[in-house]
Amino acid sequence: MCYPSPMESEAGIPEGAAVSGRLDPATGKPLPRGVTYRGPKQYMTRKVVDGRRVQRTFSTAPQARKWLTETAARAELGQFTDTRPLDRMTVGHCGTL
């Protein structure tokens, strides 16, 4: 009889990993807590930083969870910088040559 390793649960999720209880339709695995499936290759995550909600959409659940973990750490250390205004700017040619 085969038993899961002590570091993994029966679902193949590492012990201590936060899961939401919802399944990812693409992989059949539980989604990480804080990650929402929006559609094919659309995984959204949200985090409240300094009283403002910051959200991002990624093509995979692991990418979304990584961003969420890194953002939480940066916010706790006071190193988070919201780049959304810069993401909306268009860089291009202004004026004439």
Protein backbone atom coordinates (compact mmCIF):
# COMPACT_ATOMS: atom_id res chain seq x y z
CA MET A 1 0.00 0.00 0.00
CA CYS A 2 1.32 3.46 -0.91
CA TYR A 3 1.03 6.31 1.60
CA PRO A 4 1.60 10.01 0.87
CA SER A 5 4.87 11.39 2.09
CA PRO A 6 4.74 13.27 5.40
CA MET A 7 5.35 16.52 3.50
CA GLU A 8 2.33 16.08 1.19
CA SER A 9 -1.37 15.70 1.82
CA GLU A 10 -3.51 13.17 -0.02
CA ALA A 11 -4.31 15.73 -2.74
CA GLY A 12 -0.60 16.18 -3.54
CA ILE A 13 -0.54 19.64 -1.99
CA PRO A 14 2.49 20.42 0.23
CA GLU A 15 1.64 20.52 3.93
CA GLY A 16 0.97 24.04 5.15
CA ALA A 17 -0.06 25.33 1.72
CA ALA A 18 -3.24 27.38 1.93
CA VAL A 19 -5.92 26.12 -0.44
CA SER A 20 -9.35 27.57 -1.06
CA GLY A 21 -11.34 24.34 -1.40
CA ARG A 22 -12.27 25.22 -5.00
CA LEU A 23 -10.80 23.21 -7.86
CA ASP A 24 -8.89 24.62 -10.79
CA PRO A 25 -10.76 23.41 -13.91
CA ALA A 26 -7.53 23.40 -15.93
CA THR A 27 -5.59 21.07 -13.62
CA GLY A 28 -8.15 19.56 -11.26
CA LYS A 29 -6.05 20.69 -8.27
CA PRO A 30 -7.34 22.96 -5.49
CA LEU A 31 -6.81 26.68 -6.07
CA PRO A 32 -4.54 28.49 -3.61
CA ARG A 33 -6.35 30.70 -1.10
CA GLY A 34 -6.73 34.21 -2.50
CA VAL A 35 -6.70 33.07 -6.15
CA THR A 36 -9.90 33.10 -8.21
CA TYR A 37 -10.44 31.33 -11.54
CA ARG A 38 -12.00 33.77 -14.04
CA GLY A 39 -11.79 31.76 -17.26
CA PRO A 40 -9.28 30.01 -19.48
CA LYS A 41 -5.79 31.19 -18.48
CA GLN A 42 -7.23 33.90 -16.19
CA TYR A 43 -6.43 33.63 -12.50
CA MET A 44 -7.11 36.76 -10.47
CA THR A 45 -5.68 37.59 -7.09
CA ARG A 46 -6.38 40.53 -4.77
CA LYS A 47 -4.51 42.01 -1.84
CA VAL A 48 -5.34 45.02 0.34
CA VAL A 49 -2.22 47.17 0.82
CA ASP A 50 -2.31 50.44 2.76
CA GLY A 51 -6.12 50.42 2.63
CA ARG A 52 -6.25 50.05 -1.16
CA ARG A 53 -7.19 46.92 -3.05
CA VAL A 54 -4.54 45.81 -5.53
CA GLN A 55 -5.44 43.08 -8.00
CA ARG A 56 -3.69 41.33 -10.84
CA THR A 57 -4.60 38.63 -13.36
CA PHE A 58 -2.19 35.87 -14.37
CA SER A 59 -2.24 33.00 -16.86
CA THR A 60 -1.55 30.31 -14.22
CA ALA A 61 -2.55 29.76 -10.60
CA PRO A 62 1.08 29.30 -9.43
CA GLN A 63 2.03 32.69 -10.91
CA ALA A 64 -0.91 34.31 -9.11
CA ARG A 65 -0.01 32.68 -5.79
CA LYS A 66 3.65 33.72 -6.15
CA TRP A 67 2.63 37.36 -6.74
CA LEU A 68 0.26 37.24 -3.78
CA THR A 69 2.97 35.85 -1.48
CA GLU A 70 5.58 38.36 -2.66
CA THR A 71 3.14 41.28 -2.38
CA ALA A 72 2.17 40.29 1.15
CA ALA A 73 5.85 40.14 2.15
CA ARG A 74 6.66 43.51 0.54
CA ALA A 75 3.62 45.14 2.17
CA GLU A 76 4.65 43.82 5.58
CA LEU A 77 8.17 45.18 5.12
CA GLY A 78 6.87 48.51 3.78
CA GLN A 79 8.55 47.96 0.42
CA PHE A 80 5.46 47.62 -1.80
CA THR A 81 5.13 50.06 -4.69
CA ASP A 82 1.90 50.10 -6.71
CA THR A 83 2.93 50.12 -10.38
CA ARG A 84 -0.60 50.18 -11.84
CA PRO A 85 -0.45 53.87 -12.87
CA LEU A 86 2.78 53.17 -14.76
CA ASP A 87 1.28 50.04 -16.35
CA ARG A 88 -1.46 52.22 -17.88
CA MET A 89 0.93 54.74 -19.47
CA THR A 90 1.71 54.57 -23.15
CA VAL A 91 5.30 55.21 -24.07
CA GLY A 92 5.73 56.56 -27.54
CA HIS A 93 6.77 59.40 -29.75
CA CYS A 94 5.72 62.90 -28.66
CA GLY A 95 6.13 65.85 -30.96
CA THR A 96 8.02 66.11 -34.23
CA LEU A 97 11.59 65.33 -35.13
